[in-house]
């Protein structure tokens, strides 16, 4: 894959993440207005882990989650997958 195509793909993925965050925020507002509890995917996950996951460092996020929470590999993988 050429550098140009990689840059386009990266930009496209970034746009998807922005849109996803916007949709999650909207879902939270709609749920609140309807009186329905809504648990965002990142609720309870340390910000450092969220930052690593959003930067594309999935393995680093899993490692940091385990380090900060003391949970095992399976729980860490599930938490990061929800991000």
C-alpha atoms as a PDB file:
ATOM      1  CA  UNK A   1       0.000   0.000   0.000  1.00  0.00           C
ATOM      2  CA  UNK A   2       1.383   3.394  -0.912  1.00  0.00           C
ATOM      3  CA  UNK A   3       2.002   6.088   1.662  1.00  0.00           C
ATOM      4  CA  UNK A   4      -0.750   8.175   0.073  1.00  0.00           C
ATOM      5  CA  UNK A   5      -3.275   5.338   0.429  1.00  0.00           C
ATOM      6  CA  UNK A   6      -2.196   4.718   4.017  1.00  0.00           C
ATOM      7  CA  UNK A   7      -2.736   8.406   4.814  1.00  0.00           C
ATOM      8  CA  UNK A   8      -6.196   8.345   3.214  1.00  0.00           C
ATOM      9  CA  UNK A   9      -7.117   5.206   5.145  1.00  0.00           C
ATOM     10  CA  UNK A  10      -5.849   6.709   8.396  1.00  0.00           C
ATOM     11  CA  UNK A  11      -7.868   9.856   7.788  1.00  0.00           C
ATOM     12  CA  UNK A  12     -10.959   7.784   7.019  1.00  0.00           C
ATOM     13  CA  UNK A  13     -10.545   5.766  10.222  1.00  0.00           C
ATOM     14  CA  UNK A  14     -10.102   8.972  12.219  1.00  0.00           C
ATOM     15  CA  UNK A  15     -13.341  10.303  10.736  1.00  0.00           C
ATOM     16  CA  UNK A  16     -15.130   7.095  11.730  1.00  0.00           C
ATOM     17  CA  UNK A  17     -13.907   7.409  15.321  1.00  0.00           C
ATOM     18  CA  UNK A  18     -15.061  11.036  15.513  1.00  0.00           C
ATOM     19  CA  UNK A  19     -18.472  10.079  14.165  1.00  0.00           C
ATOM     20  CA  UNK A  20     -18.722   7.152  16.578  1.00  0.00           C
ATOM     21  CA  UNK A  21     -17.967   9.411  19.558  1.00  0.00           C
ATOM     22  CA  UNK A  22     -20.638  11.826  18.351  1.00  0.00           C
ATOM     23  CA  UNK A  23     -23.175   9.008  18.054  1.00  0.00           C
ATOM     24  CA  UNK A  24     -22.347   7.726  21.537  1.00  0.00           C
ATOM     25  CA  UNK A  25     -22.809  11.221  22.979  1.00  0.00           C
ATOM     26  CA  UNK A  26     -26.153  11.540  21.196  1.00  0.00           C
ATOM     27  CA  UNK A  27     -27.233   8.133  22.497  1.00  0.00           C
ATOM     28  CA  UNK A  28     -26.400   9.220  26.034  1.00  0.00           C
ATOM     29  CA  UNK A  29     -28.491  12.394  25.643  1.00  0.00           C
ATOM     30  CA  UNK A  30     -31.463  10.498  24.188  1.00  0.00           C
ATOM     31  CA  UNK A  31     -31.272   7.863  26.919  1.00  0.00           C
ATOM     32  CA  UNK A  32     -31.131  10.526  29.615  1.00  0.00           C
ATOM     33  CA  UNK A  33     -34.143  12.333  28.149  1.00  0.00           C
ATOM     34  CA  UNK A  34     -36.076   9.064  27.983  1.00  0.00           C
ATOM     35  CA  UNK A  35     -35.105   8.117  31.537  1.00  0.00           C
ATOM     36  CA  UNK A  36     -33.302   5.003  30.339  1.00  0.00           C
ATOM     37  CA  UNK A  37     -29.895   4.254  31.848  1.00  0.00           C
ATOM     38  CA  UNK A  38     -27.045   4.312  29.359  1.00  0.00           C
ATOM     39  CA  UNK A  39     -23.586   3.017  30.083  1.00  0.00           C
ATOM     40  CA  UNK A  40     -21.035   4.418  27.678  1.00  0.00           C
ATOM     41  CA  UNK A  41     -18.416   1.921  26.430  1.00  0.00           C
ATOM     42  CA  UNK A  42     -15.613   3.703  28.287  1.00  0.00           C
ATOM     43  CA  UNK A  43     -17.376   4.070  31.642  1.00  0.00           C
ATOM     44  CA  UNK A  44     -15.096   2.857  34.402  1.00  0.00           C
ATOM     45  CA  UNK A  45     -12.061   2.499  32.134  1.00  0.00           C
ATOM     46  CA  UNK A  46      -9.032   4.613  33.101  1.00  0.00           C
ATOM     47  CA  UNK A  47      -8.387   7.520  30.725  1.00  0.00           C
ATOM     48  CA  UNK A  48      -4.856   6.281  30.026  1.00  0.00           C
ATOM     49  CA  UNK A  49      -6.313   3.058  28.633  1.00  0.00           C
ATOM     50  CA  UNK A  50      -8.874   4.933  26.531  1.00  0.00           C
ATOM     51  CA  UNK A  51      -6.123   7.161  25.116  1.00  0.00           C
ATOM     52  CA  UNK A  52      -3.995   4.159  24.130  1.00  0.00           C
ATOM     53  CA  UNK A  53      -6.950   2.384  22.518  1.00  0.00           C
ATOM     54  CA  UNK A  54      -7.992   5.479  20.577  1.00  0.00           C
ATOM     55  CA  UNK A  55      -4.411   5.912  19.389  1.00  0.00           C
ATOM     56  CA  UNK A  56      -4.566   2.407  17.913  1.00  0.00           C
ATOM     57  CA  UNK A  57      -2.340   0.743  20.511  1.00  0.00           C
ATOM     58  CA  UNK A  58      -4.686  -2.089  21.466  1.00  0.00           C
ATOM     59  CA  UNK A  59      -2.015  -4.248  23.100  1.00  0.00           C
ATOM     60  CA  UNK A  60      -0.670  -1.284  25.055  1.00  0.00           C
ATOM     61  CA  UNK A  61      -4.200  -0.497  26.228  1.00  0.00           C
ATOM     62  CA  UNK A  62      -4.721  -4.080  27.395  1.00  0.00           C
ATOM     63  CA  UNK A  63      -1.401  -4.073  29.228  1.00  0.00           C
ATOM     64  CA  UNK A  64      -2.136  -0.705  30.881  1.00  0.00           C
ATOM     65  CA  UNK A  65      -5.649  -1.846  31.882  1.00  0.00           C
ATOM     66  CA  UNK A  66      -4.217  -4.946  33.560  1.00  0.00           C
ATOM     67  CA  UNK A  67      -1.527  -2.875  35.251  1.00  0.00           C
ATOM     68  CA  UNK A  68      -3.971  -0.281  36.602  1.00  0.00           C
ATOM     69  CA  UNK A  69      -6.831  -2.584  37.584  1.00  0.00           C
ATOM     70  CA  UNK A  70      -5.218  -5.901  38.416  1.00  0.00           C
ATOM     71  CA  UNK A  71      -7.694  -7.731  36.162  1.00  0.00           C
ATOM     72  CA  UNK A  72      -6.676 -10.687  34.018  1.00  0.00           C
ATOM     73  CA  UNK A  73      -6.093 -10.847  30.293  1.00  0.00           C
ATOM     74  CA  UNK A  74      -9.655 -11.843  29.382  1.00  0.00           C
ATOM     75  CA  UNK A  75     -11.258  -8.982  31.334  1.00  0.00           C
ATOM     76  CA  UNK A  76      -8.744  -6.510  29.927  1.00  0.00           C
ATOM     77  CA  UNK A  77      -9.384  -7.650  26.368  1.00  0.00           C
ATOM     78  CA  UNK A  78     -13.155  -7.318  26.858  1.00  0.00           C
ATOM     79  CA  UNK A  79     -12.803  -3.820  28.332  1.00  0.00           C
ATOM     80  CA  UNK A  80     -10.553  -2.614  25.506  1.00  0.00           C
ATOM     81  CA  UNK A  81     -12.763  -4.231  22.849  1.00  0.00           C
ATOM     82  CA  UNK A  82     -15.699  -2.122  24.081  1.00  0.00           C
ATOM     83  CA  UNK A  83     -13.722   1.041  23.412  1.00  0.00           C
END
